Protein backbone atom coordinates (compact mmCIF):
# COMPACT_ATOMS: atom_id res chain seq x y z
CA UNK A 1 119.74 95.53 116.78
CA UNK A 2 117.20 96.26 113.82
CA UNK A 3 119.29 95.85 110.15
CA UNK A 4 118.45 96.74 106.61
CA UNK A 5 119.92 95.47 104.05
CA UNK A 6 121.22 96.65 100.86
CA UNK A 7 119.93 95.40 97.25
CA UNK A 8 123.33 93.13 96.80
CA UNK A 9 122.84 91.22 100.37
CA UNK A 10 119.14 91.13 99.55
CA UNK A 11 120.46 89.05 96.49
CA UNK A 12 122.98 87.40 98.21
CA UNK A 13 120.93 86.09 101.40
CA UNK A 14 118.82 84.94 98.34
CA UNK A 15 120.66 82.69 96.89
CA UNK A 16 122.47 81.97 99.18
CA UNK A 17 126.04 82.96 97.76
CA UNK A 18 129.77 81.96 98.72
CA UNK A 19 130.45 85.88 97.92
CA UNK A 20 128.11 86.56 101.08
CA UNK A 21 130.94 88.53 103.66
CA UNK A 22 130.52 86.01 106.65
CA UNK A 23 130.39 88.90 109.27
CA UNK A 24 126.69 89.76 106.95
CA UNK A 25 126.25 86.03 107.21
CA UNK A 26 126.15 85.89 110.91
CA UNK A 27 123.68 89.10 111.78
CA UNK A 28 121.88 88.03 109.24
CA UNK A 29 121.81 84.05 111.54
CA UNK A 30 121.44 85.57 114.54
CA UNK A 31 117.14 85.48 116.15
CA UNK A 32 118.32 88.88 118.25
CA UNK A 33 118.18 91.00 115.04
CA UNK A 34 115.96 92.10 112.81
CA UNK A 35 115.95 91.73 108.98
CA UNK A 36 114.00 94.66 107.38
CA UNK A 37 114.76 95.23 102.98
CA UNK A 38 113.17 98.47 101.33
CA UNK A 39 110.43 98.61 98.46
CA UNK A 40 113.83 100.71 96.73
CA UNK A 41 115.46 97.73 96.59
CA UNK A 42 112.77 96.17 95.33
CA UNK A 43 112.39 99.26 92.95
CA UNK A 44 115.52 98.38 91.65
CA UNK A 45 115.50 95.06 91.43
CA UNK A 46 112.01 95.06 88.90
CA UNK A 47 114.22 97.94 86.75
CA UNK A 48 117.25 96.11 86.47
CA UNK A 49 114.28 92.48 85.14
CA UNK A 50 111.89 94.78 84.16
CA UNK A 51 115.65 95.21 80.98
CA UNK A 52 115.56 92.03 80.44
CA UNK A 53 118.89 92.04 81.18
CA UNK A 54 120.33 88.12 80.19
CA UNK A 55 123.24 88.59 83.42
CA UNK A 56 119.87 89.66 85.59
CA UNK A 57 116.94 86.81 86.08
CA UNK A 58 115.98 87.74 89.89
CA UNK A 59 112.16 88.32 89.57
CA UNK A 60 111.22 91.28 91.91
CA UNK A 61 108.11 89.23 93.13
CA UNK A 62 109.19 85.75 94.20
CA UNK A 63 111.91 88.40 96.38
CA UNK A 64 109.94 90.16 97.81
CA UNK A 65 107.53 87.00 99.53
CA UNK A 66 110.46 84.97 99.95
CA UNK A 67 111.61 87.85 102.22
CA UNK A 68 108.51 88.27 104.04
CA UNK A 69 108.19 84.26 104.97
CA UNK A 70 112.03 84.07 105.56
CA UNK A 71 110.79 87.03 108.37
CA UNK A 72 111.71 90.50 106.24
CA UNK A 73 110.55 93.35 107.66
CA UNK A 74 109.81 95.52 104.71
CA UNK A 75 109.98 100.05 104.84
CA UNK A 76 108.86 101.17 102.38
CA UNK A 77 109.28 104.77 101.15
CA UNK A 78 108.29 108.07 102.73
CA UNK A 79 108.36 111.21 101.71
CA UNK A 80 110.46 112.19 105.74
CA UNK A 81 112.53 110.21 103.29
CA UNK A 82 112.60 111.37 100.17
CA UNK A 83 113.06 114.99 101.58
CA UNK A 84 116.06 114.12 103.84
CA UNK A 85 117.52 113.16 100.50
CA UNK A 86 118.40 117.65 100.37
CA UNK A 87 120.73 117.40 103.56
CA UNK A 88 123.12 115.19 102.75
CA UNK A 89 126.33 114.98 101.20
CA UNK A 90 127.28 114.03 97.10
CA UNK A 91 129.63 111.31 98.39
CA UNK A 92 127.75 108.93 96.22
CA UNK A 93 125.66 109.65 93.22
CA UNK A 94 123.22 106.13 93.34
CA UNK A 95 119.69 107.42 93.56
CA UNK A 96 118.91 104.01 95.30
CA UNK A 97 121.55 103.81 97.60
CA UNK A 98 120.93 106.86 99.25
CA UNK A 99 117.39 106.66 99.16
CA UNK A 100 118.61 103.37 101.53
CA UNK A 101 121.07 105.53 103.41
CA UNK A 102 118.34 108.32 104.48
CA UNK A 103 115.49 105.46 105.53
CA UNK A 104 118.42 104.22 107.92
CA UNK A 105 119.26 107.89 109.65
CA UNK A 106 115.74 109.00 109.98
CA UNK A 107 114.16 104.66 111.14
CA UNK A 108 117.24 104.63 113.44
CA UNK A 109 118.15 101.01 111.45
CA UNK A 110 121.43 100.19 110.45
CA UNK A 111 122.59 99.63 106.99
CA UNK A 112 124.67 96.73 106.57
CA UNK A 113 126.60 97.38 103.09
CA UNK A 114 129.63 95.31 101.23
CA UNK A 115 129.70 98.52 99.09
CA UNK A 116 132.71 100.01 100.61
CA UNK A 117 131.07 104.02 99.01
CA UNK A 118 127.89 103.97 100.37
CA UNK A 119 130.11 102.59 103.78
CA UNK A 120 131.38 106.69 104.13
CA UNK A 121 128.77 107.81 105.15
CA UNK A 122 128.18 109.83 108.57
CA UNK A 123 125.32 107.78 110.46
CA UNK A 124 123.66 104.25 111.45
CA UNK A 125 125.73 102.42 108.33
CA UNK A 126 127.78 99.56 108.56
CA UNK A 127 130.66 97.93 106.12
CA UNK A 128 130.30 93.90 106.57
């Protein structure tokens, strides 16, 4: 199965966080699954990093390198993804989450999330 991890799950996976849901751990560890990260997640992380918040000390470059080194595949943002946002219902206003949702829809990849609001979208979204 192809899995696109949302930004929280990417961060939790990278730091092996105890709050990572067990169902997500199992899916991530399954060698039969292809794991993807979106350029949108790194964009979101870089913005937060650039704000200099003391509670957010993630280096997007280091995270990207670690994900690639651990076998994750990078999903770029395409114009097809951008225009597909127009068709999404107004369930959630976060632009990064909305982009992840349409990327999953357009590419036929299951979006793995721990966000109950994101999980309300139709399509290939799986709440863990």
